[in-house]
Protein backbone atom coordinates (compact mmCIF):
# COMPACT_ATOMS: atom_id res chain seq x y z
CA MET A 1 12.70 3.92 22.03
CA SER A 2 10.30 6.88 22.25
CA THR A 3 8.72 8.58 19.28
CA THR A 4 10.94 11.64 19.85
CA ALA A 5 14.02 9.37 19.83
CA ASP A 6 12.81 7.56 16.69
CA GLY A 7 12.27 10.98 14.96
CA THR A 8 15.76 12.14 15.96
CA GLN A 9 17.32 8.84 14.74
CA ARG A 10 15.49 9.00 11.43
CA GLU A 11 16.65 12.68 10.95
CA SER A 12 20.22 11.65 11.75
CA VAL A 13 20.10 8.88 9.15
CA ALA A 14 18.46 11.12 6.56
CA THR A 15 21.16 13.81 7.15
CA TRP A 16 23.93 11.26 6.85
CA LEU A 17 22.49 9.92 3.55
CA ALA A 18 21.83 13.36 2.17
CA GLU A 19 25.48 14.32 2.72
CA SER A 20 26.41 12.02 -0.11
CA LEU A 21 25.55 15.02 -2.25
CA ASN A 22 27.57 18.28 -2.52
CA THR A 23 24.27 20.09 -1.71
CA PRO A 24 22.49 17.93 0.90
CA GLY A 25 19.45 20.21 0.81
CA ASN A 26 18.68 18.85 -2.61
CA ALA A 27 17.99 15.36 -1.15
CA HIS A 28 15.73 16.71 1.59
CA ARG A 29 13.77 18.65 -1.03
CA GLN A 30 13.44 15.59 -3.24
CA TRP A 31 12.20 13.46 -0.29
CA ALA A 32 9.62 16.13 0.50
CA GLN A 33 8.40 16.41 -3.04
CA THR A 34 8.67 12.89 -4.43
CA THR A 35 9.50 10.56 -1.61
CA VAL A 36 12.69 9.40 -3.38
CA ALA A 37 15.98 11.26 -3.66
CA GLY A 38 18.80 10.60 -6.17
CA LEU A 39 21.91 10.14 -4.00
CA ALA A 40 25.45 9.96 -5.22
CA LEU A 41 27.26 6.67 -4.68
CA GLY A 42 30.91 5.94 -4.28
CA ARG A 43 32.04 8.51 -1.67
CA ARG A 44 30.03 7.97 1.49
CA PHE A 45 28.53 4.61 0.54
CA ALA A 46 27.96 2.38 -2.46
CA ALA A 47 25.23 -0.21 -3.36
CA VAL A 48 25.15 -3.73 -4.66
CA ARG A 49 22.14 -4.23 -7.00
CA LEU A 50 20.71 -7.73 -6.45
CA ALA A 51 18.08 -9.39 -8.68
CA ASP A 52 14.98 -10.57 -6.87
CA GLN A 53 15.55 -14.07 -8.23
CA LEU A 54 19.06 -14.15 -6.64
CA VAL A 55 17.70 -13.41 -3.27
CA CYS A 56 14.82 -15.86 -3.62
CA ALA A 57 17.27 -18.61 -4.69
CA VAL A 58 19.22 -18.16 -1.49
CA ALA A 59 16.03 -18.27 0.55
CA VAL A 60 15.01 -21.60 -1.14
CA ARG A 61 18.46 -23.14 -0.55
CA ALA A 62 19.21 -22.14 3.02
CA PRO A 63 16.95 -23.85 5.57
CA ALA A 64 17.70 -21.24 8.25
CA MET A 65 16.71 -18.42 5.84
CA THR A 66 13.44 -19.41 4.27
CA THR A 67 12.34 -15.87 3.24
CA PRO A 68 13.91 -12.90 1.52
CA SER A 69 13.56 -11.00 4.84
CA ALA A 70 15.74 -13.50 6.62
CA VAL A 71 18.23 -13.54 3.81
CA LEU A 72 18.56 -9.77 3.57
CA GLY A 73 18.35 -9.30 7.37
CA ALA A 74 21.48 -11.41 7.63
CA LEU A 75 23.53 -8.81 5.60
CA GLY A 76 23.72 -6.67 8.78
CA GLY A 77 22.70 -3.40 7.15
CA PRO A 78 20.16 -1.41 5.05
CA VAL A 79 18.49 -2.76 1.91
CA ILE A 80 16.19 -0.93 -0.37
CA HIS A 81 13.64 -2.81 -2.53
CA ALA A 82 12.58 -1.48 -5.91
CA PRO A 83 9.55 -3.67 -6.83
CA HIS A 84 8.98 -1.97 -10.16
CA SER A 85 12.45 -3.24 -11.36
CA ARG A 86 12.55 -6.39 -9.25
CA ARG A 87 15.80 -5.40 -7.60
CA PHE A 88 17.13 -5.02 -4.13
CA TYR A 89 19.98 -2.58 -3.29
CA ALA A 90 22.27 -3.46 -0.38
CA LEU A 91 24.04 -0.32 0.88
CA VAL A 92 27.69 -1.12 1.46
CA PRO A 93 30.96 0.70 2.17
CA ALA A 94 32.34 2.57 -0.85
CA SER A 95 35.10 0.16 -1.83
CA PRO A 96 34.56 -1.89 -5.01
CA PRO A 97 34.91 -5.64 -4.95
CA GLY A 98 37.93 -7.16 -6.55
CA HIS A 99 35.96 -8.95 -9.26
CA VAL A 100 32.74 -8.83 -11.23
CA LEU A 101 29.77 -10.03 -9.27
CA GLY A 102 28.06 -11.99 -12.04
CA PRO A 103 24.84 -11.80 -14.01
CA HIS A 104 22.53 -11.31 -11.05
CA ALA A 105 24.43 -8.60 -9.11
CA GLU A 106 26.28 -5.41 -9.84
CA TYR A 107 28.40 -3.01 -7.71
CA LEU A 108 27.22 0.60 -8.08
CA GLY A 109 29.86 3.13 -7.01
CA LEU A 110 31.54 6.35 -8.01
CA GLY A 111 29.63 8.01 -10.88
CA CYS A 112 26.32 6.30 -10.09
CA PHE A 113 23.21 7.61 -8.44
CA LEU A 114 20.57 5.64 -6.57
CA GLY A 115 16.99 6.50 -5.95
CA VAL A 116 16.77 6.29 -2.14
CA PRO A 117 13.39 6.36 -0.41
CA ARG A 118 12.58 8.67 2.55
CA VAL A 119 13.90 7.39 5.78
CA GLY A 120 10.92 5.72 7.47
CA ASP A 121 9.29 4.60 4.17
CA ASP A 122 9.45 0.87 4.98
CA GLN A 123 6.04 -0.44 3.88
CA PRO A 124 5.87 -2.51 0.72
CA ASP A 125 4.39 -0.80 -2.28
CA GLU A 126 3.74 -2.27 -5.78
CA LEU A 127 5.68 0.41 -7.53
CA ALA A 128 7.53 2.72 -5.15
CA SER A 129 10.93 1.90 -3.61
CA TYR A 130 11.00 1.33 0.11
CA TRP A 131 13.38 0.33 2.88
CA PHE A 132 13.21 -3.49 2.99
CA VAL A 133 15.69 -3.39 5.81
CA PRO A 134 15.85 0.17 7.33
CA MET A 135 19.16 1.85 8.15
CA ALA A 136 19.58 1.42 11.88
CA ARG A 137 21.88 4.52 12.41
CA PRO A 138 24.11 6.80 10.30
CA GLY A 139 26.85 4.90 8.63
CA ALA A 140 25.51 1.43 9.49
CA LEU A 141 26.04 -0.38 6.17
CA CYS A 142 25.80 -4.01 5.03
CA ASP A 143 28.80 -6.27 5.65
CA PRO A 144 30.37 -6.60 2.13
CA ILE A 145 31.63 -10.16 2.90
CA ARG A 146 28.06 -11.24 3.63
CA VAL A 147 26.78 -9.56 0.54
CA LEU A 148 29.46 -11.39 -1.57
CA ASP A 149 28.50 -14.69 0.12
CA LEU A 150 24.83 -14.11 -0.86
CA VAL A 151 25.77 -13.35 -4.43
CA GLU A 152 28.05 -16.36 -4.73
CA THR A 153 25.46 -18.65 -3.11
CA GLY A 154 22.57 -17.38 -5.18
CA THR A 155 24.51 -17.50 -8.40
CA ALA A 156 25.49 -21.14 -7.75
CA VAL A 157 21.88 -22.09 -7.07
CA LEU A 158 20.60 -20.28 -10.16
CA SER A 159 23.26 -21.97 -12.26
CA LYS A 160 22.21 -25.37 -11.01
CA MET A 161 18.53 -24.60 -11.69
CA ALA A 162 19.46 -23.51 -15.23
CA GLU A 163 21.27 -26.84 -15.86
CA ALA A 164 18.33 -28.94 -14.65
């Protein structure tokens, strides 16, 4: 894909994300000023907050997925990493799961806001949030079934480790 096409795609994704707010221009201003915009969850998309240890537990257990990159890449959609809080945020469709996700994951929907990095900010930083798995196109979100599988697998591994 050419640089122009890449730029157009990034702008399309940024516009789609910004439209989670009643005033999308606010998101664009925040990205320009601070590199992170507070976006509303629950209407256009939601997020599942995942503890770093949950993701690492799955990576240790699954031979085919030996790194957090492989584990999170298998979710089929965008993931934000917030290294300062040691959390990942998988962006998912705005439909809450039917049950509590457990001690290492939480569904964030209507009434919540998420600090979303500028589209294109995908380089790790010690403090700033970045796109661990970038959004491929507007509306391309993680598969909620895969996210739930990750949560259940990671929780089981962490429970076994705690018992040992």
